[in-house]
Amino acid sequence: MLSLGLARYLARDTIYREHIHPFTLTAVISAIFGARLWEVLFFQWSYYSTHL
């Protein structure tokens, strides 16, 4: 939330302001998906490879 506010503040008079919210949503969803994928592949692969 802090980075979203900072990005909106820094882009207040530019053409990029309209792209901040879609990018933030995409980044948050990608981060959650990527973190879960990282955990499954590198830390719990032995469990998930036998229990699909």
PDB file of N, CA and C in Angstrom:
ATOM      1  N   MET A   1       0.828  -1.183   0.000  1.00  0.00           N
ATOM      2  CA  MET A   1       0.000   0.000   0.000  1.00  0.00           C
ATOM      3  C   MET A   1       0.880   1.258   0.000  1.00  0.00           C
ATOM      4  N   LEU A   2       1.969   1.188   0.733  1.00  0.00           N
ATOM      5  CA  LEU A   2       2.872   2.333   0.763  1.00  0.00           C
ATOM      6  C   LEU A   2       3.499   2.572  -0.612  1.00  0.00           C
ATOM      7  N   SER A   3       3.921   1.495  -1.267  1.00  0.00           N
ATOM      8  CA  SER A   3       4.528   1.659  -2.589  1.00  0.00           C
ATOM      9  C   SER A   3       3.505   2.129  -3.620  1.00  0.00           C
ATOM     10  N   LEU A   4       2.260   1.703  -3.483  1.00  0.00           N
ATOM     11  CA  LEU A   4       1.216   2.177  -4.386  1.00  0.00           C
ATOM     12  C   LEU A   4       1.004   3.677  -4.208  1.00  0.00           C
ATOM     13  N   GLY A   5       0.943   4.127  -2.972  1.00  0.00           N
ATOM     14  CA  GLY A   5       0.792   5.553  -2.710  1.00  0.00           C
ATOM     15  C   GLY A   5       1.972   6.360  -3.204  1.00  0.00           C
ATOM     16  N   LEU A   6       3.168   5.825  -3.002  1.00  0.00           N
ATOM     17  CA  LEU A   6       4.368   6.516  -3.472  1.00  0.00           C
ATOM     18  C   LEU A   6       4.405   6.583  -4.996  1.00  0.00           C
ATOM     19  N   ALA A   7       4.046   5.506  -5.656  1.00  0.00           N
ATOM     20  CA  ALA A   7       4.025   5.498  -7.122  1.00  0.00           C
ATOM     21  C   ALA A   7       3.003   6.489  -7.658  1.00  0.00           C
ATOM     22  N   ARG A   8       1.829   6.539  -7.035  1.00  0.00           N
ATOM     23  CA  ARG A   8       0.821   7.510  -7.475  1.00  0.00           C
ATOM     24  C   ARG A   8       1.295   8.942  -7.247  1.00  0.00           C
ATOM     25  N   TYR A   9       1.987   9.176  -6.154  1.00  0.00           N
ATOM     26  CA  TYR A   9       2.500  10.518  -5.867  1.00  0.00           C
ATOM     27  C   TYR A   9       3.569  10.924  -6.885  1.00  0.00           C
ATOM     28  N   LEU A  10       4.490  10.014  -7.173  1.00  0.00           N
ATOM     29  CA  LEU A  10       5.574  10.337  -8.096  1.00  0.00           C
ATOM     30  C   LEU A  10       5.089  10.486  -9.536  1.00  0.00           C
ATOM     31  N   ALA A  11       3.991   9.839  -9.881  1.00  0.00           N
ATOM     32  CA  ALA A  11       3.481   9.901 -11.258  1.00  0.00           C
ATOM     33  C   ALA A  11       2.278  10.834 -11.375  1.00  0.00           C
ATOM     34  N   ARG A  12       2.157  11.785 -10.478  1.00  0.00           N
ATOM     35  CA  ARG A  12       0.951  12.609 -10.411  1.00  0.00           C
ATOM     36  C   ARG A  12       0.682  13.433 -11.659  1.00  0.00           C
ATOM     37  N   ASP A  13       1.672  13.867 -12.359  1.00  0.00           N
ATOM     38  CA  ASP A  13       1.453  14.698 -13.549  1.00  0.00           C
ATOM     39  C   ASP A  13       2.022  14.061 -14.808  1.00  0.00           C
ATOM     40  N   THR A  14       2.029  12.741 -14.855  1.00  0.00           N
ATOM     41  CA  THR A  14       2.571  12.057 -16.022  1.00  0.00           C
ATOM     42  C   THR A  14       1.492  11.192 -16.669  1.00  0.00           C
ATOM     43  N   ILE A  15       1.809  10.662 -17.817  1.00  0.00           N
ATOM     44  CA  ILE A  15       0.863   9.791 -18.513  1.00  0.00           C
ATOM     45  C   ILE A  15       0.857   8.384 -17.922  1.00  0.00           C
ATOM     46  N   TYR A  16       1.792   8.103 -17.022  1.00  0.00           N
ATOM     47  CA  TYR A  16       1.907   6.756 -16.473  1.00  0.00           C
ATOM     48  C   TYR A  16       0.980   6.504 -15.294  1.00  0.00           C
ATOM     49  N   ARG A  17       0.339   7.526 -14.795  1.00  0.00           N
ATOM     50  CA  ARG A  17      -0.502   7.383 -13.605  1.00  0.00           C
ATOM     51  C   ARG A  17      -1.635   6.374 -13.818  1.00  0.00           C
ATOM     52  N   GLU A  18      -2.193   6.314 -14.992  1.00  0.00           N
ATOM     53  CA  GLU A  18      -3.310   5.400 -15.255  1.00  0.00           C
ATOM     54  C   GLU A  18      -2.871   3.938 -15.306  1.00  0.00           C
ATOM     55  N   HIS A  19      -1.578   3.679 -15.385  1.00  0.00           N
ATOM     56  CA  HIS A  19      -1.078   2.310 -15.473  1.00  0.00           C
ATOM     57  C   HIS A  19      -0.647   1.740 -14.128  1.00  0.00           C
ATOM     58  N   ILE A  20      -0.699   2.532 -13.085  1.00  0.00           N
ATOM     59  CA  ILE A  20      -0.191   2.083 -11.787  1.00  0.00           C
ATOM     60  C   ILE A  20      -1.087   1.019 -11.172  1.00  0.00           C
ATOM     61  N   HIS A  21      -2.384   1.213 -11.163  1.00  0.00           N
ATOM     62  CA  HIS A  21      -3.283   0.239 -10.534  1.00  0.00           C
ATOM     63  C   HIS A  21      -3.288  -1.113 -11.246  1.00  0.00           C
ATOM     64  N   PRO A  22      -3.393  -1.172 -12.569  1.00  0.00           N
ATOM     65  CA  PRO A  22      -3.324  -2.489 -13.219  1.00  0.00           C
ATOM     66  C   PRO A  22      -1.992  -3.194 -12.991  1.00  0.00           C
ATOM     67  N   PHE A  23      -0.902  -2.433 -13.002  1.00  0.00           N
ATOM     68  CA  PHE A  23       0.399  -3.040 -12.762  1.00  0.00           C
ATOM     69  C   PHE A  23       0.506  -3.562 -11.337  1.00  0.00           C
ATOM     70  N   THR A  24      -0.001  -2.815 -10.370  1.00  0.00           N
ATOM     71  CA  THR A  24       0.045  -3.248  -8.976  1.00  0.00           C
ATOM     72  C   THR A  24      -0.758  -4.523  -8.785  1.00  0.00           C
ATOM     73  N   LEU A  25      -1.926  -4.598  -9.352  1.00  0.00           N
ATOM     74  CA  LEU A  25      -2.750  -5.806  -9.249  1.00  0.00           C
ATOM     75  C   LEU A  25      -2.034  -7.000  -9.873  1.00  0.00           C
ATOM     76  N   THR A  26      -1.462  -6.820 -11.040  1.00  0.00           N
ATOM     77  CA  THR A  26      -0.728  -7.887 -11.704  1.00  0.00           C
ATOM     78  C   THR A  26       0.487  -8.319 -10.891  1.00  0.00           C
ATOM     79  N   ALA A  27       1.199  -7.377 -10.316  1.00  0.00           N
ATOM     80  CA  ALA A  27       2.389  -7.692  -9.518  1.00  0.00           C
ATOM     81  C   ALA A  27       2.028  -8.461  -8.255  1.00  0.00           C
ATOM     82  N   VAL A  28       0.951  -8.094  -7.589  1.00  0.00           N
ATOM     83  CA  VAL A  28       0.547  -8.786  -6.357  1.00  0.00           C
ATOM     84  C   VAL A  28       0.110 -10.211  -6.658  1.00  0.00           C
ATOM     85  N   ILE A  29      -0.697 -10.399  -7.677  1.00  0.00           N
ATOM     86  CA  ILE A  29      -1.154 -11.744  -8.040  1.00  0.00           C
ATOM     87  C   ILE A  29       0.025 -12.607  -8.476  1.00  0.00           C
ATOM     88  N   SER A  30       0.927 -12.059  -9.262  1.00  0.00           N
ATOM     89  CA  SER A  30       2.104 -12.805  -9.708  1.00  0.00           C
ATOM     90  C   SER A  30       3.018 -13.160  -8.542  1.00  0.00           C
ATOM     91  N   ALA A  31       3.160 -12.269  -7.587  1.00  0.00           N
ATOM     92  CA  ALA A  31       4.011 -12.536  -6.424  1.00  0.00           C
ATOM     93  C   ALA A  31       3.442 -13.668  -5.572  1.00  0.00           C
ATOM     94  N   ILE A  32       2.140 -13.681  -5.362  1.00  0.00           N
ATOM     95  CA  ILE A  32       1.518 -14.751  -4.581  1.00  0.00           C
ATOM     96  C   ILE A  32       1.662 -16.086  -5.295  1.00  0.00           C
ATOM     97  N   PHE A  33       1.356 -16.107  -6.584  1.00  0.00           N
ATOM     98  CA  PHE A  33       1.472 -17.338  -7.361  1.00  0.00           C
ATOM     99  C   PHE A  33       2.920 -17.823  -7.419  1.00  0.00           C
ATOM    100  N   GLY A  34       3.849 -16.921  -7.660  1.00  0.00           N
ATOM    101  CA  GLY A  34       5.261 -17.283  -7.750  1.00  0.00           C
ATOM    102  C   GLY A  34       5.822 -17.775  -6.427  1.00  0.00           C
ATOM    103  N   ALA A  35       5.412 -17.169  -5.314  1.00  0.00           N
ATOM    104  CA  ALA A  35       5.890 -17.609  -4.007  1.00  0.00           C
ATOM    105  C   ALA A  35       5.391 -19.012  -3.691  1.00  0.00           C
ATOM    106  N   ARG A  36       4.154 -19.291  -4.019  1.00  0.00           N
ATOM    107  CA  ARG A  36       3.610 -20.633  -3.781  1.00  0.00           C
ATOM    108  C   ARG A  36       4.292 -21.659  -4.678  1.00  0.00           C
ATOM    109  N   LEU A  37       4.503 -21.326  -5.916  1.00  0.00           N
ATOM    110  CA  LEU A  37       5.187 -22.225  -6.834  1.00  0.00           C
ATOM    111  C   LEU A  37       6.622 -22.486  -6.372  1.00  0.00           C
ATOM    112  N   TRP A  38       7.324 -21.489  -5.917  1.00  0.00           N
ATOM    113  CA  TRP A  38       8.683 -21.626  -5.393  1.00  0.00           C
ATOM    114  C   TRP A  38       8.701 -22.572  -4.197  1.00  0.00           C
ATOM    115  N   GLU A  39       7.747 -22.386  -3.292  1.00  0.00           N
ATOM    116  CA  GLU A  39       7.699 -23.230  -2.096  1.00  0.00           C
ATOM    117  C   GLU A  39       7.447 -24.691  -2.456  1.00  0.00           C
ATOM    118  N   VAL A  40       6.514 -24.926  -3.354  1.00  0.00           N
ATOM    119  CA  VAL A  40       6.190 -26.295  -3.741  1.00  0.00           C
ATOM    120  C   VAL A  40       7.352 -26.953  -4.474  1.00  0.00           C
ATOM    121  N   LEU A  41       7.959 -26.260  -5.414  1.00  0.00           N
ATOM    122  CA  LEU A  41       9.014 -26.860  -6.224  1.00  0.00           C
ATOM    123  C   LEU A  41      10.317 -27.070  -5.467  1.00  0.00           C
ATOM    124  N   PHE A  42      10.668 -26.152  -4.577  1.00  0.00           N
ATOM    125  CA  PHE A  42      11.987 -26.225  -3.962  1.00  0.00           C
ATOM    126  C   PHE A  42      12.005 -26.700  -2.516  1.00  0.00           C
ATOM    127  N   PHE A  43      10.887 -26.631  -1.822  1.00  0.00           N
ATOM    128  CA  PHE A  43      10.908 -27.000  -0.420  1.00  0.00           C
ATOM    129  C   PHE A  43      10.035 -28.204  -0.083  1.00  0.00           C
ATOM    130  N   GLN A  44       8.975 -28.456  -0.848  1.00  0.00           N
ATOM    131  CA  GLN A  44       8.074 -29.551  -0.530  1.00  0.00           C
ATOM    132  C   GLN A  44       7.824 -30.454  -1.735  1.00  0.00           C
ATOM    133  N   TRP A  45       8.780 -30.577  -2.600  1.00  0.00           N
ATOM    134  CA  TRP A  45       8.589 -31.370  -3.811  1.00  0.00           C
ATOM    135  C   TRP A  45       8.361 -32.838  -3.496  1.00  0.00           C
ATOM    136  N   SER A  46       9.025 -33.376  -2.484  1.00  0.00           N
ATOM    137  CA  SER A  46       8.864 -34.799  -2.166  1.00  0.00           C
ATOM    138  C   SER A  46       7.426 -35.115  -1.770  1.00  0.00           C
ATOM    139  N   TYR A  47       6.769 -34.238  -1.083  1.00  0.00           N
ATOM    140  CA  TYR A  47       5.377 -34.460  -0.702  1.00  0.00           C
ATOM    141  C   TYR A  47       4.446 -34.312  -1.908  1.00  0.00           C
ATOM    142  N   TYR A  48       4.570 -33.215  -2.632  1.00  0.00           N
ATOM    143  CA  TYR A  48       3.649 -32.945  -3.734  1.00  0.00           C
ATOM    144  C   TYR A  48       3.880 -33.846  -4.945  1.00  0.00           C
ATOM    145  N   SER A  49       5.059 -34.417  -5.099  1.00  0.00           N
ATOM    146  CA  SER A  49       5.285 -35.324  -6.222  1.00  0.00           C
ATOM    147  C   SER A  49       4.563 -36.654  -6.006  1.00  0.00           C
ATOM    148  N   THR A  50       4.284 -37.026  -4.762  1.00  0.00           N
ATOM    149  CA  THR A  50       3.560 -38.263  -4.485  1.00  0.00           C
ATOM    150  C   THR A  50       2.093 -38.035  -4.200  1.00  0.00           C
ATOM    151  N   HIS A  51       1.673 -36.817  -3.870  1.00  0.00           N
ATOM    152  CA  HIS A  51       0.283 -36.492  -3.552  1.00  0.00           C
ATOM    153  C   HIS A  51      -0.237 -35.395  -4.487  1.00  0.00           C
ATOM    154  N   LEU A  52      -0.403 -35.730  -5.733  1.00  0.00           N
ATOM    155  CA  LEU A  52      -0.901 -34.742  -6.680  1.00  0.00           C
ATOM    156  C   LEU A  52      -2.341 -34.464  -6.408  1.00  0.00           C
TER     157      LEU A  52
END
